[in-house]
Protein backbone atom coordinates (compact mmCIF):
# COMPACT_ATOMS: atom_id res chain seq x y z
CA MET A 1 -5.33 -45.64 -21.25
CA ARG A 2 -6.76 -44.75 -17.51
CA THR A 3 -3.61 -44.08 -15.45
CA LEU A 4 0.07 -42.89 -15.79
CA ALA A 5 2.91 -42.56 -12.66
CA PHE A 6 6.17 -41.69 -13.15
CA SER A 7 9.25 -43.26 -11.50
CA ASP A 8 11.19 -41.68 -8.66
CA ASP A 9 13.92 -40.53 -11.23
CA GLY A 10 11.39 -39.07 -13.77
CA ASN A 11 12.86 -41.34 -16.48
CA THR A 12 9.71 -44.00 -16.79
CA VAL A 13 6.50 -43.53 -17.93
CA TYR A 14 4.24 -46.32 -16.26
CA ALA A 15 0.81 -46.74 -18.09
CA GLY A 16 -2.52 -48.90 -17.46
CA GLY A 17 -6.01 -49.25 -19.19
CA ASP A 18 -7.90 -51.83 -21.21
CA PHE A 19 -5.19 -51.82 -24.33
CA THR A 20 -3.88 -54.93 -26.06
CA THR A 21 -1.03 -52.79 -27.90
CA PHE A 22 1.26 -50.01 -26.65
CA GLY A 23 3.51 -48.04 -29.07
CA GLY A 24 2.68 -50.89 -31.98
CA LEU A 25 3.39 -53.44 -29.14
CA SER A 26 1.84 -56.06 -27.71
CA ARG A 27 1.05 -54.82 -23.85
CA ILE A 28 -2.21 -55.72 -22.21
CA ASN A 29 -3.48 -53.52 -20.08
CA ALA A 30 -0.14 -52.06 -18.43
CA ALA A 31 3.24 -50.57 -20.10
CA ALA A 32 6.16 -48.25 -19.86
CA LEU A 33 7.47 -45.58 -22.01
CA SER A 34 11.30 -44.46 -21.68
CA SER A 35 12.14 -41.25 -21.37
CA SER A 36 13.07 -41.22 -25.32
CA CYS A 37 9.88 -42.15 -25.90
CA GLN A 38 10.46 -45.99 -26.34
CA VAL A 39 8.14 -49.14 -25.18
CA ALA A 40 10.27 -50.74 -22.40
CA THR A 41 10.72 -54.35 -21.71
CA TRP A 42 8.45 -54.01 -18.63
CA ASP A 43 5.16 -56.12 -19.12
CA PRO A 44 3.03 -56.90 -16.17
CA ASN A 45 0.57 -58.41 -18.54
CA ALA A 46 -2.28 -58.04 -16.76
CA SER A 47 -6.14 -60.28 -16.86
CA ASP A 48 -8.37 -57.11 -16.82
CA THR A 49 -8.31 -53.44 -16.43
CA VAL A 50 -5.60 -51.07 -15.12
CA ARG A 51 -7.27 -48.28 -13.21
CA ALA A 52 -4.41 -47.18 -10.90
CA LEU A 53 -0.62 -47.19 -10.99
CA ALA A 54 1.82 -45.34 -8.20
CA VAL A 55 5.46 -46.12 -7.99
CA SER A 56 7.79 -46.10 -4.73
CA GLY A 57 11.41 -46.89 -5.55
CA ASN A 58 11.62 -49.92 -7.19
CA THR A 59 7.61 -50.92 -6.67
CA VAL A 60 5.03 -50.48 -8.89
CA TYR A 61 1.77 -50.54 -6.97
CA ALA A 62 -1.22 -51.13 -9.43
CA GLY A 63 -4.87 -51.27 -8.86
CA GLY A 64 -7.99 -51.87 -10.94
CA LYS A 65 -10.67 -55.19 -12.09
CA PHE A 66 -7.61 -58.13 -12.55
CA ALA A 67 -7.46 -61.12 -11.06
CA ILE A 68 -4.01 -61.94 -12.35
CA ILE A 69 -1.05 -59.33 -13.13
CA GLY A 70 2.85 -59.95 -12.74
CA GLY A 71 2.16 -63.73 -13.14
CA ALA A 72 0.19 -63.79 -9.59
CA ASN A 73 -3.05 -64.32 -8.93
CA ARG A 74 -3.85 -61.19 -7.26
CA SER A 75 -7.32 -59.42 -6.22
CA ARG A 76 -7.78 -55.94 -7.90
CA ILE A 77 -4.47 -54.83 -6.06
CA ALA A 78 -0.81 -55.93 -6.34
CA ALA A 79 2.84 -54.91 -6.20
CA LEU A 80 5.37 -55.08 -8.92
CA ASP A 81 9.00 -55.19 -9.72
CA ALA A 82 9.69 -51.75 -11.44
CA SER A 83 12.43 -53.37 -13.76
CA SER A 84 10.83 -56.80 -14.07
CA GLY A 85 6.84 -56.40 -13.92
CA THR A 86 6.49 -59.57 -11.60
CA ALA A 87 4.45 -59.30 -8.71
CA THR A 88 5.81 -58.98 -5.28
CA GLY A 89 4.35 -60.60 -2.31
CA TRP A 90 2.30 -58.26 -0.94
CA ASP A 91 -0.95 -59.20 -1.24
CA PRO A 92 -4.24 -56.74 0.45
CA ASP A 93 -6.93 -58.64 -1.61
CA ALA A 94 -9.74 -55.68 -2.36
CA GLY A 95 -13.38 -57.10 -2.18
CA ASN A 96 -14.13 -54.77 -5.26
CA THR A 97 -12.64 -52.51 -8.00
CA VAL A 98 -9.80 -50.59 -6.91
CA HIS A 99 -9.55 -47.29 -8.82
CA ALA A 100 -7.15 -44.97 -6.95
CA LEU A 101 -3.83 -45.50 -5.25
CA ALA A 102 -0.97 -43.16 -3.65
CA VAL A 103 2.09 -43.89 -1.57
CA SER A 104 3.27 -42.16 1.25
CA GLY A 105 6.17 -43.61 3.02
CA ASN A 106 5.45 -47.06 4.41
CA THR A 107 1.50 -46.57 3.84
CA VAL A 108 -0.06 -47.18 0.67
CA TYR A 109 -3.41 -44.85 0.13
CA VAL A 110 -6.31 -47.11 -1.77
CA GLY A 111 -9.93 -45.64 -3.24
CA GLY A 112 -12.31 -47.73 -4.99
CA ARG A 113 -15.64 -49.43 -4.89
CA PHE A 114 -14.94 -51.67 -1.94
CA ASN A 115 -16.55 -51.85 1.13
CA GLY A 116 -18.22 -53.88 4.24
CA ALA A 117 -16.36 -56.47 6.03
CA ASN A 118 -13.32 -57.58 5.13
CA SER A 119 -12.95 -55.61 1.85
CA ILE A 120 -9.55 -54.51 1.85
CA GLY A 121 -6.44 -55.67 4.07
CA GLY A 122 -8.34 -57.57 6.50
CA ALA A 123 -10.90 -55.06 7.39
CA TYR A 124 -14.04 -53.17 7.28
CA ARG A 125 -13.32 -50.03 5.06
CA ASN A 126 -15.98 -48.07 2.60
CA ARG A 127 -14.27 -47.40 -0.67
CA ILE A 128 -10.99 -45.34 1.23
CA ALA A 129 -8.22 -47.05 2.93
CA ALA A 130 -4.49 -46.93 4.05
CA ILE A 131 -2.49 -50.16 3.66
CA ASP A 132 1.00 -50.98 5.37
CA ALA A 133 3.34 -51.48 2.60
CA THR A 134 5.31 -54.01 4.20
CA SER A 135 2.41 -56.64 5.57
CA GLY A 136 -0.59 -55.27 3.07
CA SER A 137 -2.63 -55.33 6.30
CA ALA A 138 -5.30 -51.94 6.83
CA THR A 139 -4.15 -49.16 9.46
CA ASN A 140 -6.59 -47.58 11.62
CA TRP A 141 -6.91 -44.90 9.20
CA ASP A 142 -10.91 -44.71 7.80
CA PRO A 143 -12.55 -41.58 6.97
CA ASN A 144 -15.91 -43.52 5.17
CA ALA A 145 -16.70 -42.02 2.26
CA ASP A 146 -20.44 -42.50 1.02
CA GLY A 147 -19.51 -42.99 -2.96
CA LYS A 148 -16.82 -44.31 -5.28
CA VAL A 149 -13.40 -43.01 -5.02
CA TYR A 150 -11.63 -42.75 -8.26
CA SER A 151 -8.76 -40.43 -7.45
CA LEU A 152 -6.27 -40.00 -4.38
CA ALA A 153 -3.06 -37.66 -4.35
CA VAL A 154 -0.67 -37.13 -1.47
CA SER A 155 1.15 -33.48 -0.43
CA PRO A 156 4.62 -33.27 -0.88
CA ASP A 157 4.80 -32.85 2.92
CA ALA A 158 3.14 -35.82 4.00
CA ALA A 159 0.39 -34.09 5.80
CA THR A 160 -2.47 -34.00 3.41
CA VAL A 161 -4.45 -36.83 1.17
CA TYR A 162 -6.89 -35.25 -1.43
CA ALA A 163 -9.49 -37.54 -2.74
CA GLY A 164 -11.58 -37.40 -5.48
CA GLY A 165 -14.59 -39.51 -6.85
CA THR A 166 -18.61 -39.18 -6.65
CA PHE A 167 -19.10 -38.91 -2.67
CA THR A 168 -20.93 -36.48 -1.31
CA THR A 169 -19.74 -37.20 2.32
CA VAL A 170 -16.44 -38.13 4.13
CA ASP A 171 -15.59 -38.51 7.44
CA GLY A 172 -19.29 -37.52 7.85
CA LYS A 173 -18.54 -34.09 6.34
CA GLY A 174 -20.57 -32.79 3.06
CA ARG A 175 -17.73 -33.05 0.67
CA THR A 176 -18.94 -32.84 -3.40
CA ARG A 177 -17.04 -35.11 -5.37
CA ILE A 178 -13.39 -33.60 -3.87
CA ALA A 179 -11.85 -33.77 -0.67
CA ALA A 180 -8.90 -33.52 1.42
CA LEU A 181 -8.01 -35.65 4.35
CA ASN A 182 -5.49 -35.61 7.28
CA ALA A 183 -2.88 -38.05 6.56
CA SER A 184 -2.46 -39.33 10.23
CA SER A 185 -6.28 -39.34 11.47
CA GLY A 186 -8.11 -39.23 8.41
CA THR A 187 -10.49 -36.07 9.65
CA ALA A 188 -11.88 -33.91 6.13
CA THR A 189 -10.31 -30.16 6.48
CA GLY A 190 -11.98 -27.57 5.68
CA TRP A 191 -10.94 -27.28 1.95
CA ASP A 192 -13.75 -27.66 -0.29
CA PRO A 193 -13.61 -26.98 -3.65
CA ASP A 194 -17.22 -28.48 -4.61
CA ALA A 195 -16.69 -30.44 -7.99
CA GLY A 196 -20.01 -30.01 -10.60
CA ASN A 197 -19.87 -33.86 -11.22
CA THR A 198 -17.36 -36.96 -11.08
CA VAL A 199 -13.24 -36.36 -10.53
CA TYR A 200 -11.14 -39.15 -12.00
CA ALA A 201 -7.65 -38.04 -11.81
CA LEU A 202 -5.87 -35.95 -9.02
CA ALA A 203 -1.86 -34.71 -9.01
CA VAL A 204 -0.53 -32.52 -6.30
CA SER A 205 3.12 -30.02 -7.82
CA THR A 206 6.31 -30.44 -6.50
CA ASP A 207 5.66 -27.40 -4.57
CA GLY A 208 2.40 -28.61 -2.65
CA ASN A 209 0.77 -25.38 -3.70
CA THR A 210 -1.29 -26.43 -6.57
CA VAL A 211 -3.33 -29.41 -6.61
CA TYR A 212 -4.42 -30.99 -10.66
CA ALA A 213 -8.06 -32.29 -10.83
CA GLY A 214 -9.20 -33.85 -14.13
CA GLY A 215 -12.66 -35.99 -14.72
CA GLN A 216 -15.99 -35.07 -16.30
CA PHE A 217 -17.03 -31.99 -13.95
CA THR A 218 -16.93 -28.72 -16.38
CA THR A 219 -17.45 -26.43 -13.35
CA ILE A 220 -15.64 -26.65 -10.05
CA ASP A 221 -15.82 -24.52 -6.97
CA ALA A 222 -18.33 -22.69 -8.80
CA GLN A 223 -15.93 -21.58 -12.09
CA THR A 224 -15.88 -22.96 -15.23
CA HIS A 225 -13.27 -25.04 -16.14
CA ASN A 226 -13.73 -27.80 -18.70
CA TYR A 227 -12.72 -31.41 -17.42
CA LEU A 228 -9.12 -30.08 -16.58
CA ALA A 229 -8.52 -27.38 -13.54
CA ALA A 230 -5.85 -26.28 -11.19
CA LEU A 231 -6.56 -25.66 -7.31
CA ASP A 232 -4.96 -23.61 -4.63
CA SER A 233 -3.86 -25.97 -1.72
CA THR A 234 -4.95 -23.55 0.77
CA SER A 235 -8.48 -22.14 -0.52
CA GLY A 236 -9.20 -24.53 -3.01
CA SER A 237 -10.18 -21.64 -5.63
CA PRO A 238 -9.03 -22.49 -9.44
CA THR A 239 -5.69 -20.63 -10.41
CA SER A 240 -5.72 -18.95 -14.20
CA TRP A 241 -4.51 -22.02 -15.54
CA ASP A 242 -6.98 -23.44 -18.06
CA PRO A 243 -6.19 -25.78 -20.96
CA GLY A 244 -10.07 -26.74 -21.47
CA ALA A 245 -10.07 -30.26 -22.34
CA GLY A 246 -12.68 -31.43 -24.94
CA ASP A 247 -13.73 -34.28 -22.85
CA THR A 248 -13.60 -36.64 -19.69
CA VAL A 249 -9.87 -36.50 -18.41
CA ASN A 250 -9.15 -40.05 -16.02
CA GLY A 251 -5.24 -39.60 -15.44
CA LEU A 252 -3.00 -37.08 -14.43
CA ALA A 253 0.49 -36.97 -13.33
CA VAL A 254 3.40 -34.15 -12.85
CA SER A 255 6.62 -34.17 -13.15
CA GLY A 256 8.91 -30.99 -12.73
CA PRO A 257 6.85 -28.06 -14.71
CA THR A 258 4.71 -30.16 -17.01
CA VAL A 259 1.14 -31.63 -16.61
CA TYR A 260 0.49 -34.85 -18.12
CA ALA A 261 -2.97 -35.77 -18.75
CA GLY A 262 -4.77 -39.10 -20.26
CA GLY A 263 -8.74 -39.47 -21.13
CA ASP A 264 -11.19 -40.06 -23.52
CA PHE A 265 -10.74 -36.29 -25.18
CA THR A 266 -9.32 -35.54 -28.47
CA SER A 267 -8.80 -32.06 -28.52
CA VAL A 268 -7.25 -29.48 -25.87
CA GLY A 269 -7.87 -25.92 -26.20
CA THR A 270 -7.84 -25.33 -30.17
CA GLN A 271 -5.08 -28.45 -30.25
CA SER A 272 -5.73 -31.81 -31.68
CA ASN A 273 -4.53 -34.14 -28.86
CA ARG A 274 -6.27 -37.53 -29.23
CA GLY A 275 -6.47 -39.45 -25.67
CA TYR A 276 -3.03 -38.07 -24.33
CA ALA A 277 -1.74 -34.69 -23.53
CA GLN A 278 0.94 -32.70 -21.99
CA PHE A 279 0.87 -29.21 -20.80
CA THR A 280 3.42 -26.77 -19.52
CA ALA A 281 2.45 -25.22 -16.25
CA ALA A 282 3.52 -22.38 -14.23
CA PRO A 283 6.61 -22.96 -12.52
CA THR A 284 6.98 -24.28 -9.01
CA ASN A 285 9.23 -22.72 -6.06
CA THR A 286 11.03 -25.68 -4.44
CA SER A 287 13.54 -23.19 -2.71
CA THR A 288 12.21 -19.99 -1.15
CA PRO A 289 14.23 -16.70 -2.38
CA ALA A 290 16.41 -15.18 0.33
CA ILE A 291 18.32 -12.13 1.03
CA SER A 292 21.82 -11.17 1.35
CA GLY A 293 23.70 -8.36 2.72
CA THR A 294 23.92 -6.28 5.99
CA GLY A 295 21.02 -4.43 6.04
CA VAL A 296 22.46 -1.21 7.12
CA ALA A 297 20.85 1.60 5.56
CA GLY A 298 23.58 2.80 2.52
CA ASP A 299 24.60 -0.92 1.88
CA VAL A 300 23.06 -2.78 -0.98
CA LEU A 301 20.94 -6.11 -0.60
CA THR A 302 20.71 -8.61 -2.87
CA CYS A 303 17.89 -11.13 -3.73
CA GLY A 304 18.62 -14.47 -4.70
CA SER A 305 15.80 -16.47 -7.34
CA GLY A 306 15.39 -19.19 -5.22
CA THR A 307 15.23 -22.59 -6.41
CA TRP A 308 12.64 -23.72 -9.35
CA ASN A 309 11.41 -26.68 -11.04
CA ASP A 310 12.05 -25.38 -14.30
CA ASP A 311 15.33 -24.38 -15.83
CA ASN A 312 13.96 -22.40 -18.70
CA ALA A 313 12.34 -19.69 -16.58
CA THR A 314 12.88 -16.27 -16.09
CA TYR A 315 12.83 -14.17 -13.28
CA SER A 316 11.22 -10.89 -12.43
CA TYR A 317 12.01 -8.75 -9.14
CA GLN A 318 10.24 -6.02 -6.88
CA TRP A 319 11.23 -4.89 -3.08
CA LEU A 320 8.56 -4.37 -0.56
CA ARG A 321 8.96 -2.45 2.21
CA ASN A 322 6.28 -3.46 5.09
CA GLY A 323 4.64 -5.69 2.35
CA SER A 324 4.05 -2.43 0.28
CA ALA A 325 6.08 -2.18 -3.73
CA ILE A 326 8.73 0.10 -3.38
CA SER A 327 8.51 2.18 -6.39
CA GLY A 328 11.32 1.55 -8.86
CA ALA A 329 13.00 -1.34 -7.00
CA THR A 330 12.64 -3.87 -9.42
CA SER A 331 16.39 -5.70 -10.05
CA ALA A 332 17.96 -8.25 -8.18
CA SER A 333 19.62 -5.84 -5.61
CA TYR A 334 18.35 -3.04 -3.99
CA THR A 335 20.16 -0.05 -2.17
CA ALA A 336 18.61 0.47 1.65
CA THR A 337 17.76 3.93 2.41
CA SER A 338 17.14 6.34 5.31
CA ASP A 339 13.70 6.17 4.39
CA ASP A 340 13.90 1.94 5.25
CA ILE A 341 15.39 2.54 8.73
CA GLY A 342 13.32 -0.09 11.22
CA SER A 343 11.11 -1.07 8.49
CA SER A 344 10.78 -4.91 7.35
CA ILE A 345 12.16 -5.15 3.72
CA ALA A 346 11.72 -8.46 1.22
CA CYS A 347 11.89 -9.19 -2.31
CA GLN A 348 8.92 -10.43 -4.24
CA VAL A 349 10.40 -12.87 -6.90
CA THR A 350 8.06 -13.81 -10.03
CA ALA A 351 9.08 -17.01 -12.18
CA ILE A 352 8.11 -16.95 -15.93
CA SER A 353 7.59 -19.62 -18.16
CA ILE A 354 5.72 -20.78 -21.31
CA GLY A 355 2.98 -22.41 -18.81
CA GLY A 356 2.62 -19.37 -17.05
CA SER A 357 4.38 -17.00 -13.96
CA THR A 358 4.56 -18.24 -10.05
CA THR A 359 5.05 -15.32 -7.54
CA THR A 360 6.57 -16.10 -4.31
CA THR A 361 8.14 -13.85 -1.71
CA SER A 362 11.49 -13.98 0.44
CA ASN A 363 12.81 -13.68 4.00
CA THR A 364 12.60 -10.42 5.68
CA ILE A 365 15.13 -8.16 6.86
CA THR A 366 14.82 -4.99 8.97
CA VAL A 367 16.94 -1.74 8.00
CA THR A 368 18.97 -0.22 10.37
CA ALA A 369 20.75 3.06 11.11
CA ALA A 370 24.29 3.40 9.96
CA GLU A 371 26.79 3.91 13.44
CA SER A 372 29.06 7.10 12.93
CA SER A 373 32.33 6.60 12.82
CA PRO A 374 34.88 8.43 15.56
CA GLY A 375 35.59 11.84 14.55
CA SER A 376 32.88 11.73 11.92
CA THR A 377 30.35 14.92 12.05
CA PRO A 378 26.84 13.63 12.52
CA PRO A 379 23.94 14.29 9.71
CA ALA A 380 22.10 17.78 10.08
CA VAL A 381 19.13 16.37 10.79
CA SER A 382 20.25 14.48 13.92
CA ALA A 383 20.03 17.73 15.87
CA PRO A 384 18.25 20.77 16.70
CA ILE A 385 20.18 23.64 15.61
CA THR A 386 21.63 26.25 18.28
CA ALA A 387 23.00 29.86 18.25
CA ALA A 388 24.23 31.83 20.66
CA ILE A 389 24.59 36.15 19.62
CA GLU A 390 26.69 37.80 21.88
CA ASN A 391 27.95 41.66 22.06
CA LEU A 392 25.63 43.23 20.18
CA THR A 393 26.59 46.39 20.43
CA VAL A 394 25.78 49.94 18.23
CA LYS A 395 28.11 52.76 18.52
CA PRO A 396 27.35 55.46 19.59
CA SER A 397 24.35 54.60 20.90
CA CYS A 398 22.57 58.49 20.64
CA TYR A 399 22.75 60.65 18.16
CA ARG A 400 21.95 64.37 17.47
CA ALA A 401 20.71 66.13 14.09
CA ARG A 402 23.23 68.06 13.12
CA ALA A 403 24.08 69.98 10.27
CA THR A 404 26.92 69.53 7.89
CA ARG A 405 29.18 72.26 7.84
CA LYS A 406 27.79 72.99 4.00
CA ALA A 407 24.70 72.84 5.61
CA SER A 408 24.85 74.88 8.36
CA LYS A 409 26.05 78.35 6.52
CA LYS A 410 23.06 77.82 4.38
CA ALA A 411 20.93 77.68 7.82
CA LYS A 412 22.42 80.66 8.55
CA ARG A 413 21.48 82.44 5.34
CA ALA A 414 18.25 81.28 5.91
CA ARG A 415 17.69 81.67 9.49
CA LYS A 416 18.66 85.59 8.00
CA SER A 417 16.26 85.74 5.93
CA SER A 418 13.84 84.20 8.05
CA ARG A 419 13.94 86.61 11.06
CA LYS A 420 14.03 89.38 8.38
CA LYS A 421 10.75 88.14 6.68
CA SER A 422 9.17 87.11 10.39
CA ARG A 423 9.74 90.56 11.50
CA LYS A 424 7.34 91.91 8.45
CA LYS A 425 4.83 89.12 8.99
CA GLY A 426 5.19 88.65 12.84
CA ARG A 427 6.47 84.87 12.47
CA LYS A 428 8.81 83.11 14.12
CA SER A 429 11.85 81.17 11.49
CA LYS A 430 12.11 77.57 11.56
CA ARG A 431 15.37 76.08 12.36
CA SER A 432 16.72 73.90 9.16
CA ARG A 433 17.13 70.27 10.37
CA GLY A 434 20.48 69.62 8.23
CA LYS A 435 21.52 66.08 7.35
CA VAL A 436 21.21 63.21 9.67
CA LEU A 437 24.39 60.83 9.86
CA ALA A 438 22.94 58.15 12.07
CA LEU A 439 24.73 54.80 12.97
CA SER A 440 28.15 54.36 12.65
CA SER A 441 28.58 50.63 13.40
CA LEU A 442 26.89 47.46 14.39
CA SER A 443 28.85 44.66 15.86
CA PHE A 444 28.09 40.96 17.23
CA LYS A 445 29.38 37.78 17.86
CA PHE A 446 27.47 34.38 17.32
CA THR A 447 28.19 30.74 17.73
CA LEU A 448 26.17 28.35 15.44
CA THR A 449 25.85 24.48 15.54
CA GLN A 450 24.90 24.43 12.03
CA ASP A 451 25.08 26.37 8.89
CA ALA A 452 22.06 29.03 9.42
CA THR A 453 20.38 31.94 8.06
CA VAL A 454 22.05 35.39 10.16
CA LYS A 455 19.75 38.33 9.26
CA VAL A 456 20.45 42.19 10.64
CA SER A 457 17.31 44.60 10.64
CA ILE A 458 16.90 48.06 12.05
CA LYS A 459 13.36 49.06 13.04
CA ARG A 460 11.80 52.41 14.23
CA LYS A 461 9.30 52.86 17.10
CA LYS A 462 6.37 55.00 15.98
CA LYS A 463 5.49 57.69 17.84
CA SER A 464 8.78 57.81 19.71
CA LYS A 465 9.91 61.27 21.28
CA THR A 466 12.19 63.03 19.26
CA ARG A 467 13.93 65.75 21.34
CA GLY A 468 15.59 65.19 24.99
CA ASN A 469 18.94 64.40 25.86
CA CYS A 470 20.64 61.41 25.35
CA PRO A 471 19.47 58.43 27.54
CA SER A 472 22.25 57.50 30.61
CA SER A 473 22.02 54.83 33.28
CA LYS A 474 21.38 57.38 35.99
CA LYS A 475 18.50 59.65 34.01
CA GLY A 476 16.82 57.24 32.15
CA LYS A 477 15.64 56.80 28.91
CA LYS A 478 14.31 60.06 27.43
CA GLY A 479 14.25 59.34 24.05
CA GLU A 480 11.54 56.56 24.75
CA ALA A 481 8.98 58.18 26.60
CA VAL A 482 5.94 57.43 24.30
CA PRO A 483 4.90 53.51 23.60
CA GLY A 484 4.82 52.12 20.43
CA MET A 485 5.81 49.54 17.83
CA TYR A 486 9.03 49.43 15.74
CA ILE A 487 8.70 49.56 11.59
CA GLN A 488 11.92 47.78 9.98
CA VAL A 489 13.66 50.52 8.21
CA ASP A 490 16.70 48.41 6.81
CA SER A 491 17.48 44.43 6.99
CA TYR A 492 20.73 42.80 5.92
CA THR A 493 20.55 38.73 5.01
CA GLU A 494 23.60 36.25 5.02
CA PHE A 495 23.76 32.12 5.10
CA THR A 496 26.84 31.53 7.32
CA LYS A 497 28.77 28.72 8.20
CA ALA A 498 28.68 26.60 11.48
CA GLY A 499 31.16 27.63 13.69
CA LYS A 500 32.30 30.57 15.98
CA ASN A 501 31.94 33.87 14.06
CA SER A 502 31.84 37.66 14.33
CA ALA A 503 30.55 40.82 12.53
CA SER A 504 30.95 44.37 12.24
CA LEU A 505 28.59 46.18 10.00
CA SER A 506 29.50 49.73 9.24
CA VAL A 507 28.05 53.02 7.50
CA SER A 508 29.08 55.62 4.92
CA SER A 509 30.34 58.16 6.90
CA LYS A 510 29.49 61.14 4.15
CA SER A 511 26.15 62.42 3.25
CA LYS A 512 24.73 63.31 -0.29
CA LYS A 513 22.38 65.55 -1.21
CA LYS A 514 18.47 64.42 -0.88
CA SER A 515 16.71 64.88 -3.58
CA ARG A 516 12.77 65.99 -3.40
CA LYS A 517 11.96 62.32 -3.62
CA SER A 518 14.22 61.38 -0.69
CA LYS A 519 13.24 64.41 1.07
CA LYS A 520 9.54 63.57 0.77
CA ALA A 521 10.25 59.64 2.13
CA GLY A 522 12.48 61.21 5.28
CA ARG A 523 9.57 63.08 6.40
CA LYS A 524 7.67 59.81 6.35
CA GLY A 525 9.80 58.39 8.96
CA ARG A 526 11.13 55.55 5.52
CA ALA A 527 14.55 55.40 4.74
CA LYS A 528 16.58 54.62 1.25
CA LYS A 529 17.21 51.09 0.83
CA ALA A 530 20.67 49.55 2.17
CA ARG A 531 22.47 47.45 -0.49
CA ALA A 532 25.91 45.66 0.96
CA SER A 533 29.01 46.09 -1.19
CA THR A 534 30.71 43.17 0.59
CA ALA A 535 28.99 40.08 1.35
CA PHE A 536 30.09 37.50 4.35
CA ASP A 537 33.55 36.24 3.63
CA LYS A 538 32.23 32.08 3.77
CA SER A 539 36.47 31.04 3.49
CA GLY A 540 36.90 31.61 6.93
CA ARG A 541 40.35 33.45 5.87
CA SER A 542 42.87 30.76 6.41
CA GLY A 543 41.04 28.60 9.06
CA LYS A 544 39.90 31.60 11.10
CA ASN A 545 36.76 31.28 12.50
CA THR A 546 35.51 34.60 11.58
CA VAL A 547 33.30 36.69 8.97
CA ASP A 548 33.99 40.44 8.23
CA VAL A 549 31.77 42.62 6.40
CA ALA A 550 34.21 45.49 5.10
CA SER A 551 30.62 47.52 4.09
CA GLY A 552 27.68 45.43 5.13
CA LEU A 553 24.96 47.87 6.53
CA LYS A 554 24.57 51.24 5.03
CA VAL A 555 22.15 53.51 7.18
CA LYS A 556 21.73 56.92 6.09
CA ASN A 557 19.00 59.79 6.37
CA LEU A 558 17.68 58.39 9.55
CA LYS A 559 14.59 60.18 10.89
CA PRO A 560 15.03 61.30 14.76
CA GLY A 561 13.25 58.45 17.10
CA THR A 562 14.23 55.49 18.88
CA TYR A 563 15.36 52.13 17.23
CA LYS A 564 16.02 48.89 17.80
CA ALA A 565 18.56 46.82 16.01
CA TYR A 566 17.90 43.18 15.24
CA VAL A 567 20.05 40.35 15.24
CA SER A 568 18.24 37.13 14.55
CA VAL A 569 19.32 33.47 13.42
CA GLN A 570 16.93 31.24 11.29
CA ASP A 571 16.77 27.39 10.35
CA SER A 572 16.72 25.83 6.71
CA ALA A 573 13.05 26.10 7.28
CA GLY A 574 12.53 29.77 8.55
CA ASN A 575 12.40 29.25 12.06
CA VAL A 576 13.49 32.04 14.21
CA VAL A 577 15.86 29.66 16.92
CA ASN A 578 17.56 32.83 18.49
CA GLU A 579 17.24 36.43 18.52
CA ALA A 580 19.08 39.69 20.01
CA ALA A 581 18.07 43.45 20.05
CA VAL A 582 19.69 46.87 20.75
CA LYS A 583 18.26 50.22 21.31
CA PHE A 584 19.78 53.52 19.93
CA TRP A 585 18.35 56.85 19.47
CA VAL A 586 18.51 59.52 16.90
CA LEU A 587 17.62 63.17 18.34
CA ARG A 588 16.48 66.45 16.93
CA ARG A 589 19.18 69.32 17.65
């Protein structure tokens, strides 16, 4: 068997060669096999070897060494009725053996040994030609090969004619035994796999992405492939498909996901196959996958699998963002996120069958942000936080250290005793400082556009004067004559909801007896840490935008000096977006 061809509906396989029986029946060099593997009645009875077959509608084109076929004299090329096998009137009359045929529209491409003047279709053609399917005359298409052309195949889009044989130049360009030619002009394209030996057979997948080649070669494109290979139709590089035939492959045909091969081999791979084999090829895509959905962040996108030539294929999915895989997005549906806004989203579909796998990519869709509905609150990230702090006051703003009633009695006795002792020792007595009760209330108002943290802190100024009168607008601020920095005495922090709020921080009016440790701390200018007994009430109390502090910041035992009460508003990152401060003083008696 030298050649195979399928009917357009795929139900009949036509075979050519130099045989005398086929399937146990008498068939001379040409036969047909039905889809049920029964030998058909089709019997052209060629007088010599049939080396090439091609089918177009109800016509089977045959080429070879014969002089008679289908009951008519035909020199090496003929057109036969697909049902009866009788020859039509089409007669290009080739001058030498025809090895290859391919049909595209109204053109029959022919390859072989013919050359010179009047060699085929009444024209001067060297081993490759294009014949009008109606008249049988040669067209102007003339690639001019320098060696025999044994195989031809046309791409599904009819733009490219693939040729294989023994030639080393075609269209004046170096092409070693395999080439791609422009179907209109006959010029050689850049596709150049460079076969290591003769190419006898070519076939193209239904999607046009793969060119199957068979022959005597054991290398192609400098890679090892024994007598059979699948080539990328764009780059010319071999794919991973490698059945490994045991000997020369003379004929190839493709139907859906299946590749049929005939030749001199007796095995393929590890399997015994004498002269004929069929392989399940990787699925081929016939209709690109498409994405459906609005493309709005938060909505679901769905990826269709597209159409493939293998009904038994299974599919896997991978979603892409700007061409890169999205981690975990491996199902047929995907929910667009805020990270996708402005990005191109596509879906990669891989079809998997026994013959391998093929991957193709869908159309792309650009994700947009969802529009805000009327009256809805924008997301917190849509605008920077702002805060207004008003009416920050400390009451009273100036204190004099006074002794408590109990402390006063002790002080009188101490002073009386001290005077007696000082008269004896000649020293002046010291006054008792007593208990200092400082801050009684601190209040302020604030307005937030977003939830925030409000922090209240009290700081004392270092090296500040502690004697003098309480400052006034007329007399100036006597209690802060010495410049210095403020040190934090106490602080209170609370997370607050957005809106208009007011806060009042009060202090205990009762003093407690100092321990030795607290006295020591007081002398160093430190204050005991205050703890709020009641936190901010976030409930808003029946819709009122207020925050009430029943007993917030309790500050007592302040060392005389100049103080500042700070209120700051911070965002979620801890950045201060607004701050206010007010001074107050604690003076010695």
